[in-house]
Structure formats: C-alpha cells, structure tokens
Amino acid sequence: MQQAGTLQLRGYKMPLSLSDLIWLEGNSNYSLLHRSNAPNLMTARTLVRWQKMLPEFIRISRGALVNPNHIARLHRISTYQVEITLTNGTVLLVARRRIAEVFKAVKSTNN
C-alpha cells in the first residue's frame, strides 16, 4: 500500500519518501535518484516516466528532473544561462529552452 508523499518502488521493501528525493538524473533508459538522507538509487525508468509520476517536479533539462522543494537558489548567469543550486549543494544548469518554464514553475511553487 502506498501512502501520500511516498512511492513504492519494485524491488525495494521500504517506500521512497518524496520529500527526501532531491533530483533525478537521466541516463538513457535509467534514472539515478539523488536523495537527501540515503544513498542514491538507480532505477530502470526513463525521466519521461518519472515526470509523469511526479508532475510537481520540474524538468530543467533533458537529463534532470528537480524537486522544487529542494531548490535553494536560482541564479541567472547571463541571458541564456541559469543555474539552480539545490539544498545538497549540487549546481545544475537549466537548458536554454526551459528557462522561462523553470522560472514560472519555481514562482508558482513559492506562492
């Protein structure tokens, strides 16, 4: 049984808490789940599938899906370069074509 705010992954006994999930890194047909209080997990799911399962997460590039609750800083470097600093200190670049969408999503999350 799945509780609110958790995901039950096939092959894992304990449910995954969404609040501990910082960001997801895509690598072909696999995704690496970066978590705050536990080791990273590798899953055989694409970021597209994760994005459908986690609609509140923000797709910042082809290879990254970010939990908006773990965004510590959004910094515009130049007109076409924006970087996101996460609560664990990771810095990720936002894809040029996704900059407006990311700013809009972060703004709506903070309201």
Protein backbone atom coordinates (compact mmCIF):
# COMPACT_ATOMS: atom_id res chain seq x y z
CA MET A 1 0.00 0.00 0.00
CA GLN A 2 1.33 3.42 -0.96
CA GLN A 3 0.99 6.37 1.42
CA ALA A 4 0.67 10.01 0.40
CA GLY A 5 4.09 11.53 -0.22
CA THR A 6 5.75 8.17 -0.87
CA LEU A 7 6.46 5.88 -3.79
CA GLN A 8 6.77 2.13 -3.58
CA LEU A 9 9.48 1.01 -5.99
CA ARG A 10 9.51 -2.52 -7.31
CA GLY A 11 12.37 -4.47 -5.74
CA TYR A 12 12.63 -2.22 -2.65
CA LYS A 13 10.95 -3.05 0.65
CA MET A 14 10.79 0.47 2.06
CA PRO A 15 8.73 3.16 0.30
CA LEU A 16 10.60 6.15 -1.09
CA SER A 17 9.73 9.44 0.61
CA LEU A 18 9.20 12.20 -1.97
CA SER A 19 10.45 14.84 0.48
CA ASP A 20 13.84 13.06 0.56
CA LEU A 21 14.08 12.99 -3.23
CA ILE A 22 16.22 15.97 -4.31
CA TRP A 23 16.61 15.40 -8.03
CA LEU A 24 16.62 12.71 -10.71
CA GLU A 25 19.40 12.30 -13.23
CA GLY A 26 18.55 10.63 -16.52
CA ASN A 27 20.90 8.30 -18.35
CA SER A 28 19.27 6.66 -21.38
CA ASN A 29 16.69 4.16 -20.04
CA TYR A 30 17.86 4.52 -16.45
CA SER A 31 17.48 7.20 -13.81
CA LEU A 32 19.64 7.94 -10.79
CA LEU A 33 17.60 9.19 -7.84
CA HIS A 34 19.58 11.59 -5.64
CA ARG A 35 18.21 11.51 -2.08
CA SER A 36 18.95 13.69 0.93
CA ASN A 37 19.20 11.13 3.73
CA ALA A 38 20.07 7.93 1.91
CA PRO A 39 22.30 6.55 -0.83
CA ASN A 40 21.37 7.23 -4.45
CA LEU A 41 19.15 4.71 -6.24
CA MET A 42 19.39 3.54 -9.84
CA THR A 43 16.07 2.65 -11.49
CA ALA A 44 15.18 1.24 -14.89
CA ARG A 45 12.77 4.09 -15.67
CA THR A 46 13.27 7.00 -18.02
CA LEU A 47 12.89 10.60 -16.90
CA VAL A 48 9.76 10.85 -19.06
CA ARG A 49 8.11 8.13 -16.95
CA TRP A 50 9.27 9.81 -13.72
CA GLN A 51 7.95 13.15 -14.95
CA LYS A 52 4.50 11.61 -15.48
CA MET A 53 4.60 10.05 -11.99
CA LEU A 54 5.88 13.23 -10.31
CA PRO A 55 4.09 16.16 -12.00
CA GLU A 56 5.13 18.60 -9.24
CA PHE A 57 8.82 18.09 -10.10
CA ILE A 58 10.42 20.49 -12.61
CA ARG A 59 12.17 19.29 -15.77
CA ILE A 60 15.16 21.64 -16.09
CA SER A 61 16.97 19.86 -18.92
CA ARG A 62 16.97 16.69 -20.96
CA GLY A 63 18.86 14.92 -18.19
CA ALA A 64 17.46 16.37 -14.94
CA LEU A 65 14.19 16.49 -13.02
CA VAL A 66 14.24 18.58 -9.82
CA ASN A 67 12.13 18.62 -6.67
CA PRO A 68 11.08 22.29 -6.31
CA ASN A 69 11.15 21.99 -2.51
CA HIS A 70 14.92 21.38 -2.68
CA ILE A 71 15.81 24.43 -4.79
CA ALA A 72 17.95 26.68 -2.61
CA ARG A 73 18.87 29.27 -5.26
CA LEU A 74 18.00 30.15 -8.84
CA HIS A 75 20.69 32.34 -10.41
CA ARG A 76 20.75 33.94 -13.86
CA ILE A 77 24.36 33.97 -15.07
CA SER A 78 23.55 35.58 -18.42
CA THR A 79 20.61 35.92 -20.79
CA TYR A 80 20.82 32.28 -21.83
CA GLN A 81 22.40 30.71 -18.75
CA VAL A 82 20.64 29.94 -15.49
CA GLU A 83 21.87 27.66 -12.75
CA ILE A 84 19.99 26.04 -9.90
CA THR A 85 21.65 25.34 -6.56
CA LEU A 86 19.99 22.54 -4.63
CA THR A 87 19.81 22.07 -0.86
CA ASN A 88 22.58 19.46 -1.00
CA GLY A 89 24.93 21.92 -2.75
CA THR A 90 24.59 20.46 -6.25
CA VAL A 91 24.62 23.07 -9.01
CA LEU A 92 22.73 22.26 -12.22
CA LEU A 93 22.40 24.27 -15.43
CA VAL A 94 18.94 24.91 -16.81
CA ALA A 95 18.52 24.19 -20.52
CA ARG A 96 18.20 27.38 -22.55
CA ARG A 97 14.77 26.41 -23.91
CA ARG A 98 13.44 25.63 -20.43
CA ILE A 99 14.49 28.84 -18.63
CA ALA A 100 11.09 30.61 -18.81
CA GLU A 101 9.24 27.42 -17.84
CA VAL A 102 11.55 26.86 -14.84
CA PHE A 103 11.17 30.43 -13.56
CA LYS A 104 7.38 30.15 -13.89
CA ALA A 105 7.28 26.79 -12.08
CA VAL A 106 9.53 27.99 -9.25
CA LYS A 107 7.47 31.16 -8.84
CA SER A 108 4.20 29.19 -8.65
CA THR A 109 5.75 26.78 -6.12
CA ASN A 110 6.83 29.64 -3.84
CA ASN A 111 3.35 31.22 -3.80
